[in-house]
Amino acid sequence: MLAQQRQDLILQEIRTRGAVRVADLVVSLDVSDMTVRRDISELVRRGLVQRVHGGAVDARHAAHEPGFLAKRDLAAAEKAAIARAALAHVTPGSAIALSAGTTTALVAGLIAQDPTLRPLTVVTNSLPAAEALHLPDDHDLTVVLVGGTRTPSDALVGPVASRALETLRVDVLLLGVHGFDVEAGLTTPNLLEAETDRALIACAGQVVVVADHSKNGTVALSRITDLGAVDVLVTDDALPPEAADALRDAVGALVLAPTPTNGAAQP
């Protein structure tokens, strides 16, 4: 049996049962423990499952929140394309907000490198984004880092962050999410992060969600808001056509960023 066939069977089993044990897969697939672990590692790399002690669980319904470094290299090309496309919503002279997330951190890096996006004020609860935007000699770039409790994804969340955001108003919010789903809306595994994300949405004139296609259909523990609150969803062109059609009906506008492997964006 080819590796791809095994991985498809493992994913099917996880999607059916919610979780699998390595020991059970060794027996059912008649392969070694090491082979099963390699297959699970590949599914983790693709963002389809999450590893737990002794096995794996469905990433779409997991309450576990992976760390920033664990997520950074997943769908890297897609995230880079999304970040470039999202930059179209950053206007010189405006105030924007960047939520926590690996894609928004990439947006922060692009902003730091582009002097044409000045003057600019950036409000963020993301420690990596704030670090990327820390340019002491750039006096036309103002960065406001809200306080709060630090999460595994290097976000500052909770009542301190939410109360700070209540006093602010930004033109555009670029929001990273753990998952988006037509029925469940935007979700995250972290209850406090969901609260802070809602505060970010409340202070923004326009909400732009940045999330790669693997997050479509992912439903985590805590609901942030429904898709009707999203003005623009920027994802990549690997999104299945039927999913794109459903999302166009749910959000204000859908942008499919072209990646090098997928060629031009879909219409």
Protein backbone atom coordinates (compact mmCIF):
# COMPACT_ATOMS: atom_id res chain seq x y z
CA MET A 1 0.00 0.00 0.00
CA LEU A 2 1.33 3.44 -0.95
CA ALA A 3 1.96 6.09 1.71
CA GLN A 4 -0.78 8.34 0.30
CA GLN A 5 -3.29 5.48 0.48
CA ARG A 6 -2.37 4.77 4.11
CA GLN A 7 -2.65 8.43 5.01
CA ASP A 8 -6.06 8.65 3.36
CA LEU A 9 -7.23 5.66 5.39
CA ILE A 10 -5.84 7.12 8.61
CA LEU A 11 -7.54 10.46 7.94
CA GLN A 12 -10.82 8.71 7.14
CA GLU A 13 -10.62 6.80 10.41
CA ILE A 14 -9.93 9.99 12.38
CA ARG A 15 -12.75 11.86 10.67
CA THR A 16 -15.12 8.97 11.49
CA ARG A 17 -14.07 8.32 15.08
CA GLY A 18 -12.58 11.69 16.05
CA ALA A 19 -9.30 10.09 17.14
CA VAL A 20 -7.05 7.06 16.55
CA ARG A 21 -4.33 5.23 18.45
CA VAL A 22 -1.00 4.36 16.85
CA ALA A 23 -1.19 0.84 18.26
CA ASP A 24 -4.56 0.21 16.58
CA LEU A 25 -3.32 1.53 13.23
CA VAL A 26 -0.26 -0.74 13.37
CA VAL A 27 -2.62 -3.73 13.55
CA SER A 28 -5.26 -2.55 11.08
CA LEU A 29 -2.76 -1.42 8.42
CA ASP A 30 -0.24 -4.21 9.10
CA VAL A 31 2.73 -1.82 9.15
CA SER A 32 5.35 -0.80 11.68
CA ASP A 33 4.91 1.69 14.49
CA MET A 34 7.46 3.96 12.78
CA THR A 35 5.52 3.90 9.50
CA VAL A 36 2.30 4.96 11.23
CA ARG A 37 4.09 7.76 13.06
CA ARG A 38 5.58 9.03 9.77
CA ASP A 39 2.13 9.02 8.18
CA ILE A 40 0.65 10.93 11.12
CA SER A 41 3.53 13.43 10.93
CA GLU A 42 2.67 14.08 7.29
CA LEU A 43 -1.01 14.62 8.14
CA VAL A 44 0.03 16.99 10.94
CA ARG A 45 2.27 18.90 8.50
CA ARG A 46 -0.71 19.31 6.18
CA GLY A 47 -2.81 20.66 9.06
CA LEU A 48 -5.37 17.85 8.85
CA VAL A 49 -4.82 16.22 12.25
CA GLN A 50 -3.23 17.05 15.58
CA ARG A 51 -0.88 14.69 17.37
CA VAL A 52 -1.73 13.62 20.91
CA HIS A 53 -0.04 11.13 23.23
CA GLY A 54 -0.30 7.71 21.59
CA GLY A 55 -2.19 8.84 18.49
CA ALA A 56 -3.90 11.72 16.69
CA VAL A 57 -7.18 13.66 16.71
CA ASP A 58 -9.20 15.53 14.10
CA ALA A 59 -7.75 19.05 13.73
CA ARG A 60 -11.17 20.42 12.70
CA HIS A 61 -12.67 19.78 16.13
CA ALA A 62 -9.65 19.95 18.41
CA ALA A 63 -9.72 22.00 21.61
CA HIS A 64 -5.91 21.96 21.76
CA GLU A 65 -4.22 25.18 20.67
CA PRO A 66 -0.92 24.63 18.83
CA GLY A 67 1.93 27.08 19.43
CA PHE A 68 3.05 29.80 17.02
CA LEU A 69 6.17 27.93 15.87
CA ALA A 70 4.18 24.74 15.27
CA LYS A 71 1.79 26.59 12.96
CA ARG A 72 4.27 28.87 11.22
CA ASP A 73 5.50 26.34 8.64
CA LEU A 74 2.08 24.87 7.79
CA ALA A 75 0.82 25.99 4.34
CA ALA A 76 3.72 28.46 4.17
CA ALA A 77 3.36 29.29 0.46
CA GLU A 78 -0.39 29.83 0.81
CA LYS A 79 0.04 32.08 3.85
CA ALA A 80 2.65 34.18 2.04
CA ALA A 81 0.29 34.65 -0.91
CA ILE A 82 -2.59 35.58 1.41
CA ALA A 83 -0.42 38.12 3.25
CA ARG A 84 0.55 39.79 -0.04
CA ALA A 85 -3.09 39.98 -1.12
CA ALA A 86 -4.18 41.33 2.28
CA LEU A 87 -1.74 44.22 1.95
CA ALA A 88 -4.18 45.78 -0.52
CA HIS A 89 -6.38 46.66 2.48
CA VAL A 90 -3.62 48.65 4.22
CA THR A 91 -3.80 52.34 3.28
CA PRO A 92 -1.25 55.04 4.21
CA GLY A 93 -2.64 57.45 6.79
CA SER A 94 -4.98 54.86 8.31
CA ALA A 95 -5.13 52.94 11.56
CA ILE A 96 -5.28 49.17 11.27
CA ALA A 97 -5.41 46.25 13.69
CA LEU A 98 -3.58 42.94 13.37
CA SER A 99 -4.80 39.99 15.41
CA ALA A 100 -2.56 37.15 16.50
CA GLY A 101 -1.67 34.44 13.98
CA THR A 102 1.04 33.30 11.63
CA THR A 103 -0.52 34.92 8.56
CA THR A 104 -1.02 38.28 10.25
CA ALA A 105 2.61 38.11 11.41
CA LEU A 106 3.59 37.79 7.74
CA VAL A 107 1.47 40.86 6.97
CA ALA A 108 3.35 42.73 9.70
CA GLY A 109 6.64 41.78 8.08
CA LEU A 110 5.47 43.09 4.71
CA ILE A 111 4.31 46.36 6.29
CA ALA A 112 7.70 46.76 7.95
CA GLN A 113 9.44 46.38 4.58
CA ASP A 114 7.21 48.80 2.64
CA PRO A 115 7.90 52.51 3.29
CA THR A 116 5.07 53.51 0.92
CA LEU A 117 2.58 52.41 3.62
CA ARG A 118 3.42 55.40 5.79
CA PRO A 119 2.20 57.07 7.89
CA LEU A 120 0.48 54.14 9.56
CA THR A 121 -0.79 53.18 13.00
CA VAL A 122 -0.96 49.47 13.85
CA VAL A 123 -2.85 48.12 16.87
CA THR A 124 -2.04 44.50 17.67
CA ASN A 125 -2.32 41.81 20.32
CA SER A 126 0.30 39.70 18.53
CA LEU A 127 3.79 39.59 20.01
CA PRO A 128 5.41 38.36 16.74
CA ALA A 129 3.66 41.12 14.77
CA ALA A 130 4.78 43.77 17.24
CA GLU A 131 8.34 42.44 17.04
CA ALA A 132 8.30 42.55 13.23
CA LEU A 133 7.05 46.15 13.34
CA HIS A 134 9.60 47.31 15.92
CA LEU A 135 11.48 49.88 13.83
CA PRO A 136 12.83 52.56 16.22
CA ASP A 137 14.02 54.83 13.39
CA ASP A 138 10.70 54.74 11.51
CA HIS A 139 8.86 57.69 13.05
CA ASP A 140 5.91 57.38 10.65
CA LEU A 141 4.99 53.94 11.96
CA THR A 142 3.16 53.82 15.30
CA VAL A 143 2.63 50.44 16.96
CA VAL A 144 0.14 50.01 19.82
CA LEU A 145 0.58 46.69 21.63
CA VAL A 146 -2.34 45.85 23.91
CA GLY A 147 -1.71 44.09 27.20
CA GLY A 148 -3.16 40.84 28.43
CA THR A 149 -2.41 37.19 29.12
CA ARG A 150 -0.07 35.39 26.72
CA THR A 151 -1.39 32.31 24.85
CA PRO A 152 0.54 29.43 23.19
CA SER A 153 0.07 31.26 19.86
CA ASP A 154 1.82 34.35 21.30
CA ALA A 155 -1.39 36.38 21.52
CA LEU A 156 -2.21 38.81 24.32
CA VAL A 157 -5.80 38.11 25.35
CA GLY A 158 -8.31 38.41 28.14
CA PRO A 159 -10.05 41.27 30.00
CA VAL A 160 -7.02 43.60 29.94
CA ALA A 161 -6.70 43.31 26.17
CA SER A 162 -10.44 43.58 25.57
CA ARG A 163 -10.82 46.70 27.74
CA ALA A 164 -7.93 48.41 25.97
CA LEU A 165 -9.56 47.69 22.61
CA GLU A 166 -12.87 49.17 23.78
CA THR A 167 -11.22 52.61 23.81
CA LEU A 168 -9.87 52.34 20.25
CA ARG A 169 -11.22 52.64 16.73
CA VAL A 170 -9.39 51.36 13.62
CA ASP A 171 -10.21 51.51 9.94
CA VAL A 172 -9.41 47.88 9.12
CA LEU A 173 -8.87 44.69 11.11
CA LEU A 174 -6.81 41.88 9.60
CA LEU A 175 -7.97 38.85 11.57
CA GLY A 176 -6.33 35.44 11.66
CA VAL A 177 -8.49 32.50 12.77
CA HIS A 178 -8.07 28.83 13.64
CA GLY A 179 -11.00 27.85 11.45
CA PHE A 180 -13.85 29.17 9.30
CA ASP A 181 -17.02 27.32 8.44
CA VAL A 182 -20.25 28.36 6.74
CA GLU A 183 -22.35 26.97 9.59
CA ALA A 184 -20.09 27.49 12.63
CA GLY A 185 -18.51 30.79 11.56
CA LEU A 186 -15.07 31.82 12.84
CA THR A 187 -13.68 29.72 15.70
CA THR A 188 -10.60 29.31 17.91
CA PRO A 189 -9.60 26.74 20.56
CA ASN A 190 -8.90 29.50 23.11
CA LEU A 191 -11.90 30.95 24.99
CA LEU A 192 -10.08 34.15 25.99
CA GLU A 193 -8.75 34.68 22.47
CA ALA A 194 -12.30 34.45 21.10
CA GLU A 195 -13.34 37.21 23.51
CA THR A 196 -10.44 39.43 22.45
CA ASP A 197 -11.07 38.74 18.77
CA ARG A 198 -14.66 39.93 19.25
CA ALA A 199 -13.31 43.13 20.83
CA LEU A 200 -11.03 43.60 17.80
CA ILE A 201 -14.01 43.16 15.47
CA ALA A 202 -16.08 45.66 17.47
CA CYS A 203 -13.44 48.39 17.13
CA ALA A 204 -12.96 47.96 13.36
CA GLY A 205 -14.68 49.68 10.47
CA GLN A 206 -13.88 46.75 8.15
CA VAL A 207 -13.12 43.12 9.02
CA VAL A 208 -10.73 41.26 6.72
CA VAL A 209 -10.13 37.61 7.64
CA VAL A 210 -6.85 36.05 6.46
CA ALA A 211 -6.84 32.23 6.57
CA ASP A 212 -5.52 29.52 4.26
CA HIS A 213 -7.80 26.96 2.61
CA SER A 214 -6.95 24.17 5.08
CA LYS A 215 -8.91 26.08 7.73
CA ASN A 216 -12.12 25.80 5.73
CA GLY A 217 -14.49 23.49 7.59
CA THR A 218 -12.37 23.56 10.74
CA VAL A 219 -14.48 24.06 13.86
CA ALA A 220 -12.73 24.71 17.18
CA LEU A 221 -14.06 24.99 20.72
CA SER A 222 -14.92 28.69 20.91
CA ARG A 223 -17.00 30.65 18.40
CA ILE A 224 -15.83 34.18 17.57
CA THR A 225 -18.62 35.31 15.25
CA ASP A 226 -20.57 34.20 12.19
CA LEU A 227 -19.35 34.77 8.63
CA GLY A 228 -21.87 37.56 8.12
CA ALA A 229 -19.57 39.81 10.16
CA VAL A 230 -16.74 39.31 7.66
CA ASP A 231 -16.40 42.03 5.03
CA VAL A 232 -13.59 40.28 3.13
CA LEU A 233 -12.23 36.74 3.42
CA VAL A 234 -8.77 36.38 1.92
CA THR A 235 -7.76 32.75 1.40
CA ASP A 236 -5.78 30.91 -1.28
CA ASP A 237 -6.76 29.42 -4.62
CA ALA A 238 -6.53 25.81 -3.41
CA LEU A 239 -9.99 26.30 -1.87
CA PRO A 240 -12.39 23.80 -3.52
CA PRO A 241 -14.83 25.46 -6.00
CA GLU A 242 -17.91 24.29 -4.10
CA ALA A 243 -16.54 25.77 -0.88
CA ALA A 244 -15.77 29.03 -2.67
CA ASP A 245 -19.35 29.25 -3.92
CA ALA A 246 -20.76 28.73 -0.42
CA LEU A 247 -18.39 31.28 1.11
CA ARG A 248 -19.21 33.93 -1.50
CA ASP A 249 -22.81 33.76 -0.29
CA ALA A 250 -21.74 34.01 3.37
CA VAL A 251 -19.17 36.84 3.43
CA GLY A 252 -19.05 40.30 1.90
CA ALA A 253 -16.31 39.42 -0.59
CA LEU A 254 -14.04 36.43 -1.21
CA VAL A 255 -10.46 36.86 -2.43
CA LEU A 256 -8.52 33.81 -3.66
CA ALA A 257 -4.83 34.61 -3.55
CA PRO A 258 -2.80 32.78 -6.24
CA THR A 259 0.04 30.58 -5.03
CA PRO A 260 3.01 29.53 -7.18
CA THR A 261 1.89 25.90 -7.25
CA ASN A 262 -1.68 26.71 -8.21
CA GLY A 263 -1.09 29.38 -10.80
CA ALA A 264 -3.57 32.18 -11.34
CA ALA A 265 -6.40 32.84 -8.93
CA GLN A 266 -9.80 31.41 -9.69
CA PRO A 267 -12.40 33.87 -10.92
